[in-house]
N, C-alpha and C. Protein backbone atom coordinates (compact mmCIF):
# COMPACT_ATOMS: atom_id res chain seq x y z
N MET A 1 0.81 -0.79 0.20
CA MET A 1 -0.08 0.66 -0.07
C MET A 1 0.85 1.13 0.32
N PRO A 2 0.66 2.27 -0.92
CA PRO A 2 1.50 3.24 -0.80
C PRO A 2 0.93 4.08 0.49
N TYR A 3 2.28 4.92 0.38
CA TYR A 3 2.45 5.74 1.80
C TYR A 3 1.10 6.83 2.13
N PRO A 4 0.97 7.58 1.26
CA PRO A 4 -0.82 8.28 1.06
C PRO A 4 -1.51 7.61 1.36
N THR A 5 -1.65 6.73 1.32
CA THR A 5 -3.07 5.54 1.43
C THR A 5 -3.05 5.46 2.82
N ARG A 6 -2.02 4.77 3.62
CA ARG A 6 -1.78 4.34 4.73
C ARG A 6 -1.73 5.96 5.46
N CYS A 7 -1.30 6.52 4.93
CA CYS A 7 -1.44 7.84 6.37
C CYS A 7 -3.14 8.42 6.25
N TRP A 8 -3.37 8.26 5.02
CA TRP A 8 -5.22 8.39 5.09
C TRP A 8 -6.23 7.69 5.71
N LEU A 9 -5.80 5.90 5.76
CA LEU A 9 -6.72 5.48 7.02
C LEU A 9 -5.54 5.57 7.91
N LEU A 10 -4.75 5.62 8.64
CA LEU A 10 -4.32 5.99 10.04
C LEU A 10 -4.86 7.41 10.57
N LEU A 11 -5.59 8.50 9.99
CA LEU A 11 -5.88 9.26 10.22
C LEU A 11 -7.88 9.12 10.41
N THR A 12 -7.91 8.66 8.98
CA THR A 12 -9.34 7.97 9.11
C THR A 12 -9.45 7.20 10.30
N ALA A 13 -8.88 6.40 10.63
CA ALA A 13 -9.37 5.72 11.48
C ALA A 13 -9.67 6.19 13.31
N SER A 14 -8.40 6.95 13.48
CA SER A 14 -8.14 8.20 14.69
C SER A 14 -9.46 8.86 14.71
N TRP A 15 -9.44 9.34 13.24
CA TRP A 15 -10.88 10.35 13.67
C TRP A 15 -12.04 9.41 14.13
N ILE A 16 -12.27 8.01 13.58
CA ILE A 16 -13.53 7.85 14.08
C ILE A 16 -13.52 7.42 15.37
N LEU A 17 -12.43 6.91 15.81
CA LEU A 17 -12.06 6.01 17.15
C LEU A 17 -12.16 7.69 18.23
N CYS A 18 -11.59 8.55 17.94
CA CYS A 18 -12.03 10.16 18.66
C CYS A 18 -13.25 10.05 19.07
N GLY A 19 -13.81 10.21 18.05
CA GLY A 19 -15.30 10.49 17.43
C GLY A 19 -16.48 9.90 18.56
N CYS A 20 -15.87 8.40 18.30
CA CYS A 20 -17.35 7.91 19.09
C CYS A 20 -16.87 7.76 20.22
N HIS A 21 -15.48 8.64 21.51
CA HIS A 21 -15.69 8.19 22.20
C HIS A 21 -15.93 9.42 23.06
N TYR A 22 -16.25 10.36 22.51
CA TYR A 22 -16.14 12.29 22.62
C TYR A 22 -17.10 11.71 24.36
N LYS A 23 -16.16 12.35 25.43
CA LYS A 23 -17.37 12.35 26.75
C LYS A 23 -16.93 14.10 27.13
N PRO A 24 -18.43 14.90 26.80
CA PRO A 24 -18.34 15.85 27.29
C PRO A 24 -18.12 16.43 28.79
N GLU A 25 -18.08 15.73 29.73
CA GLU A 25 -17.61 15.64 31.09
C GLU A 25 -16.08 16.12 30.64
N LEU A 26 -15.62 15.57 30.03
CA LEU A 26 -13.85 15.74 30.14
C LEU A 26 -13.69 16.71 29.77
N HIS A 27 -14.93 17.50 29.05
CA HIS A 27 -14.15 18.65 28.25
C HIS A 27 -14.97 19.74 29.01
N ARG A 28 -16.21 19.90 30.04
CA ARG A 28 -16.97 20.54 30.64
C ARG A 28 -16.20 21.58 31.70
N VAL A 29 -16.48 22.52 31.81
CA VAL A 29 -15.54 23.87 32.48
C VAL A 29 -17.02 24.30 33.39
N THR A 30 -15.68 24.13 34.43
CA THR A 30 -16.59 24.82 35.90
C THR A 30 -16.23 25.69 36.11
N GLN A 31 -17.60 27.16 35.94
CA GLN A 31 -17.64 28.57 35.96
C GLN A 31 -18.04 28.86 37.05
N GLU A 32 -17.93 30.16 38.13
CA GLU A 32 -18.96 30.16 38.39
C GLU A 32 -19.91 31.41 38.89
N ARG A 33 -20.82 31.08 39.85
CA ARG A 33 -22.23 32.08 39.15
C ARG A 33 -21.82 33.56 38.70
N LYS A 34 -20.74 34.30 39.33
CA LYS A 34 -20.87 35.52 39.29
C LYS A 34 -20.30 35.86 38.18
N LEU A 35 -19.27 35.18 37.31
CA LEU A 35 -19.07 35.48 35.67
C LEU A 35 -20.49 35.93 35.30
N TYR A 36 -21.49 35.43 35.15
CA TYR A 36 -23.12 35.25 34.80
C TYR A 36 -23.44 36.28 35.65
N ASP A 37 -23.21 37.24 36.51
CA ASP A 37 -23.90 37.99 37.52
C ASP A 37 -22.97 38.80 36.95
N ASP A 38 -21.90 39.27 36.86
CA ASP A 38 -21.27 40.28 36.39
C ASP A 38 -21.93 40.62 34.70
N LEU A 39 -21.76 40.08 34.08
CA LEU A 39 -22.39 40.48 32.42
C LEU A 39 -23.32 40.64 32.47
N CYS A 40 -24.40 40.52 33.10
CA CYS A 40 -25.89 41.16 33.49
C CYS A 40 -25.91 42.27 34.12
N ALA A 41 -24.65 42.49 35.03
CA ALA A 41 -24.50 43.74 35.41
C ALA A 41 -24.40 44.93 34.58
N ARG A 42 -23.64 44.77 33.46
CA ARG A 42 -23.11 45.17 32.64
C ARG A 42 -23.69 45.21 31.10
N GLY A 43 -25.13 44.52 31.41
CA GLY A 43 -26.12 44.89 30.16
C GLY A 43 -26.10 43.58 28.91
N GLN A 44 -24.70 42.90 29.44
CA GLN A 44 -25.03 41.47 28.36
C GLN A 44 -25.09 40.65 28.88
N ASN A 45 -25.16 39.34 27.72
CA ASN A 45 -25.77 37.82 28.25
C ASN A 45 -24.85 37.12 27.33
N VAL A 46 -24.79 35.87 27.07
CA VAL A 46 -24.29 34.41 26.32
C VAL A 46 -25.42 34.86 25.38
N TRP A 47 -25.11 34.04 24.30
CA TRP A 47 -26.54 33.60 23.73
C TRP A 47 -27.33 33.15 23.32
N ARG A 48 -27.04 32.15 23.71
CA ARG A 48 -28.03 31.08 24.16
C ARG A 48 -27.29 30.18 24.90
N MET A 49 -28.29 29.67 26.25
CA MET A 49 -27.60 28.59 27.59
C MET A 49 -29.14 27.60 27.27
N TYR A 50 -28.79 26.20 27.41
CA TYR A 50 -29.70 25.56 27.10
C TYR A 50 -29.26 24.62 28.76
N TYR A 51 -30.34 24.55 29.59
CA TYR A 51 -30.02 23.62 30.58
C TYR A 51 -29.71 22.12 30.45
N GLU A 52 -28.82 21.35 31.09
CA GLU A 52 -28.23 20.25 30.72
C GLU A 52 -29.28 18.94 31.44
N GLY A 53 -29.21 19.56 32.91
CA GLY A 53 -29.21 18.59 33.79
C GLY A 53 -28.51 19.42 35.19
N THR A 54 -29.26 17.98 36.59
CA THR A 54 -28.37 18.44 37.66
C THR A 54 -28.22 17.31 38.21
N ASP A 55 -26.64 17.14 38.83
CA ASP A 55 -26.59 16.00 39.57
C ASP A 55 -25.87 16.45 40.96
N SER A 56 -25.93 15.29 41.52
CA SER A 56 -25.83 15.80 43.63
C SER A 56 -25.04 16.88 43.31
N THR A 57 -23.96 17.52 42.63
CA THR A 57 -23.13 18.22 42.63
C THR A 57 -22.96 19.71 41.93
N TYR A 58 -23.51 19.35 40.12
CA TYR A 58 -23.47 20.98 39.20
C TYR A 58 -24.94 20.70 38.74
N HIS A 59 -25.32 21.70 38.45
CA HIS A 59 -25.90 21.87 37.53
C HIS A 59 -25.10 21.94 36.02
N ARG A 60 -25.93 21.53 35.47
CA ARG A 60 -24.83 21.58 33.83
C ARG A 60 -25.67 22.96 32.41
N PHE A 61 -25.09 22.62 31.43
CA PHE A 61 -25.41 23.91 30.83
C PHE A 61 -24.56 23.80 29.48
N LEU A 62 -24.92 24.06 28.92
CA LEU A 62 -24.58 24.13 27.01
C LEU A 62 -24.73 25.34 27.00
N VAL A 63 -23.69 26.07 26.59
CA VAL A 63 -23.69 27.44 26.14
C VAL A 63 -23.28 28.04 25.13
N ASN A 64 -23.85 28.82 24.34
CA ASN A 64 -23.35 29.76 23.12
C ASN A 64 -22.89 30.82 23.20
N ASP A 65 -21.89 30.91 22.86
CA ASP A 65 -21.00 32.33 23.12
C ASP A 65 -20.80 32.87 21.86
N MET A 66 -21.00 33.46 21.48
CA MET A 66 -20.62 33.96 20.00
C MET A 66 -20.17 32.62 18.99
N ASP A 67 -19.58 32.12 18.35
CA ASP A 67 -19.79 31.03 17.48
C ASP A 67 -18.63 30.07 18.21
N ARG A 68 -19.17 29.67 19.51
CA ARG A 68 -18.50 28.65 20.10
C ARG A 68 -19.44 28.11 21.44
N TRP A 69 -19.33 26.70 20.94
CA TRP A 69 -20.22 25.99 22.35
C TRP A 69 -19.40 25.64 23.37
N ARG A 70 -19.72 25.54 24.29
CA ARG A 70 -19.19 25.07 26.01
C ARG A 70 -20.48 24.61 26.72
N HIS A 71 -19.62 23.44 26.89
CA HIS A 71 -20.92 22.47 28.48
C HIS A 71 -19.76 23.26 29.42
N VAL A 72 -20.87 23.58 30.35
CA VAL A 72 -20.18 24.34 31.32
C VAL A 72 -21.13 23.37 32.75
N ARG A 73 -20.36 23.83 34.13
CA ARG A 73 -21.26 23.58 35.14
C ARG A 73 -21.43 24.34 36.37
N ILE A 74 -21.88 24.97 36.65
CA ILE A 74 -22.21 25.88 38.07
C ILE A 74 -22.69 24.07 39.36
N SER A 75 -21.49 25.23 40.45
CA SER A 75 -21.74 24.25 41.20
C SER A 75 -23.18 24.62 41.82
N ARG A 76 -24.36 23.73 42.49
CA ARG A 76 -25.77 23.46 43.22
C ARG A 76 -25.51 24.27 44.44
N SER A 77 -24.15 24.75 44.66
CA SER A 77 -23.91 25.98 45.97
C SER A 77 -24.37 26.93 45.57
N GLU A 78 -24.04 27.41 44.58
CA GLU A 78 -23.93 28.53 43.76
C GLU A 78 -25.62 29.26 43.07
N LEU A 79 -25.87 28.09 43.20
CA LEU A 79 -26.75 28.37 41.81
C LEU A 79 -28.36 27.66 42.52
N VAL A 80 -29.46 28.35 42.62
CA VAL A 80 -30.01 27.72 42.74
C VAL A 80 -31.33 28.06 42.12
N MET A 81 -32.04 26.90 40.81
CA MET A 81 -33.15 27.12 40.22
C MET A 81 -34.15 27.40 40.90
N GLU A 82 -35.30 28.51 40.02
CA GLU A 82 -36.58 28.17 40.13
C GLU A 82 -37.15 26.79 40.37
N GLU A 83 -37.16 26.90 39.02
CA GLU A 83 -37.70 25.22 38.50
C GLU A 83 -36.44 24.39 38.94
N ILE A 84 -37.70 23.04 39.42
CA ILE A 84 -36.97 22.12 39.89
C ILE A 84 -36.47 21.31 39.14
N PRO A 85 -35.30 21.25 38.50
CA PRO A 85 -34.70 19.80 37.76
C PRO A 85 -35.25 18.08 37.95
N THR A 86 -36.24 17.84 36.90
CA THR A 86 -36.22 16.81 37.13
C THR A 86 -35.55 15.80 36.80
N THR A 87 -35.46 14.37 36.53
CA THR A 87 -34.38 13.40 36.19
C THR A 87 -35.17 13.33 35.10
N ASP A 88 -35.98 13.19 34.48
CA ASP A 88 -36.70 13.09 33.35
C ASP A 88 -35.67 13.68 32.23
N THR A 89 -35.34 12.73 30.94
CA THR A 89 -34.59 13.40 30.41
C THR A 89 -35.20 14.49 29.36
N THR A 90 -36.56 14.12 29.16
CA THR A 90 -37.33 15.12 28.04
C THR A 90 -37.86 16.57 29.03
N GLN A 91 -37.15 16.67 29.86
CA GLN A 91 -37.04 17.81 29.96
C GLN A 91 -36.16 18.72 30.29
N ARG A 92 -35.27 18.04 29.64
CA ARG A 92 -33.67 18.79 29.61
C ARG A 92 -33.33 19.49 28.17
N TYR A 93 -32.37 20.04 27.82
CA TYR A 93 -32.01 20.98 26.87
C TYR A 93 -33.45 22.15 26.81
N TYR A 94 -33.43 22.56 28.02
CA TYR A 94 -34.27 23.59 27.08
C TYR A 94 -33.52 25.35 27.95
N CYS A 95 -34.15 26.48 27.50
CA CYS A 95 -33.09 27.76 27.14
C CYS A 95 -33.37 28.38 28.93
N VAL A 96 -32.41 28.51 29.44
CA VAL A 96 -32.25 29.24 30.34
C VAL A 96 -31.86 30.66 30.50
N ASP A 97 -32.67 31.71 30.78
CA ASP A 97 -31.46 33.05 31.16
C ASP A 97 -31.24 33.58 32.04
N PRO A 98 -29.50 33.36 32.13
CA PRO A 98 -29.27 33.57 33.96
C PRO A 98 -29.48 34.97 34.14
N CYS A 99 -29.79 35.78 33.24
CA CYS A 99 -30.06 37.34 33.56
C CYS A 99 -31.40 37.54 34.04
N LYS A 100 -32.49 37.16 34.07
CA LYS A 100 -34.01 36.31 35.01
C LYS A 100 -33.82 35.52 35.76
N GLY A 101 -32.28 35.65 36.63
CA GLY A 101 -33.08 34.64 37.69
C GLY A 101 -33.20 33.11 37.53
N TRP A 102 -32.11 32.80 35.78
CA TRP A 102 -32.38 31.35 35.79
C TRP A 102 -33.41 30.62 35.49
N ILE A 103 -34.65 31.31 34.42
CA ILE A 103 -35.36 30.67 34.65
C ILE A 103 -35.80 30.33 33.34
N ARG A 104 -36.71 29.43 32.82
CA ARG A 104 -37.02 28.87 31.49
C ARG A 104 -37.52 29.67 30.36
N VAL A 105 -37.01 30.11 29.57
CA VAL A 105 -37.18 30.90 28.92
C VAL A 105 -37.90 30.17 27.01
N ASP A 106 -39.57 30.89 27.10
CA ASP A 106 -40.24 30.35 25.75
C ASP A 106 -39.92 30.81 24.32
N GLY A 107 -40.29 30.01 23.40
CA GLY A 107 -39.58 30.82 22.44
C GLY A 107 -38.86 30.77 21.83
N SER A 108 -37.50 31.65 21.26
CA SER A 108 -36.35 31.78 20.40
C SER A 108 -35.34 31.94 21.78
N CYS A 109 -34.17 31.62 21.64
CA CYS A 109 -33.54 31.40 22.72
C CYS A 109 -32.40 32.32 23.01
N TRP A 110 -32.52 33.56 21.58
CA TRP A 110 -31.68 34.58 21.32
C TRP A 110 -31.35 35.34 22.91
N LEU A 111 -30.66 35.13 23.59
CA LEU A 111 -30.13 36.65 24.42
C LEU A 111 -29.58 37.34 24.61
N GLY A 112 -28.40 37.12 23.74
CA GLY A 112 -27.73 38.24 23.52
C GLY A 112 -28.10 39.53 22.91
N SER A 113 -27.56 40.86 22.76
CA SER A 113 -28.16 41.64 22.35
C SER A 113 -28.57 41.24 20.89
N ALA A 114 -26.96 40.47 20.01
CA ALA A 114 -27.07 40.54 19.17
C ALA A 114 -28.17 39.96 18.34
N GLY A 115 -29.31 38.29 19.01
CA GLY A 115 -30.18 38.70 18.88
C GLY A 115 -31.76 39.17 19.25
N ARG A 116 -31.76 40.05 19.84
CA ARG A 116 -32.42 41.34 20.16
C ARG A 116 -33.45 42.33 19.22
């Protein structure tokens, strides 16, 4: 087998193996609620924020700020959400607004000034 073909096969196999084993918890960023409180105090907000679920230690969110998505977790001791999170997976991935008390947002999920 020619060298370029072997390289291509090796790269393709590594992409497939890495993609199949992606675990968001390994890439999740722990942030403080204060970061979002400061953004709101300055009249700014993230573009979109989706609630992903809660475990015994953290509330987990999927955050879109400009052109990137991040998996974020905030300690339950720092953030008390008004709506009681359920373990039902159909109740996950809804939009929340950190500037309005972390409540569920119905309709469009554009929170930042660019979407208003």
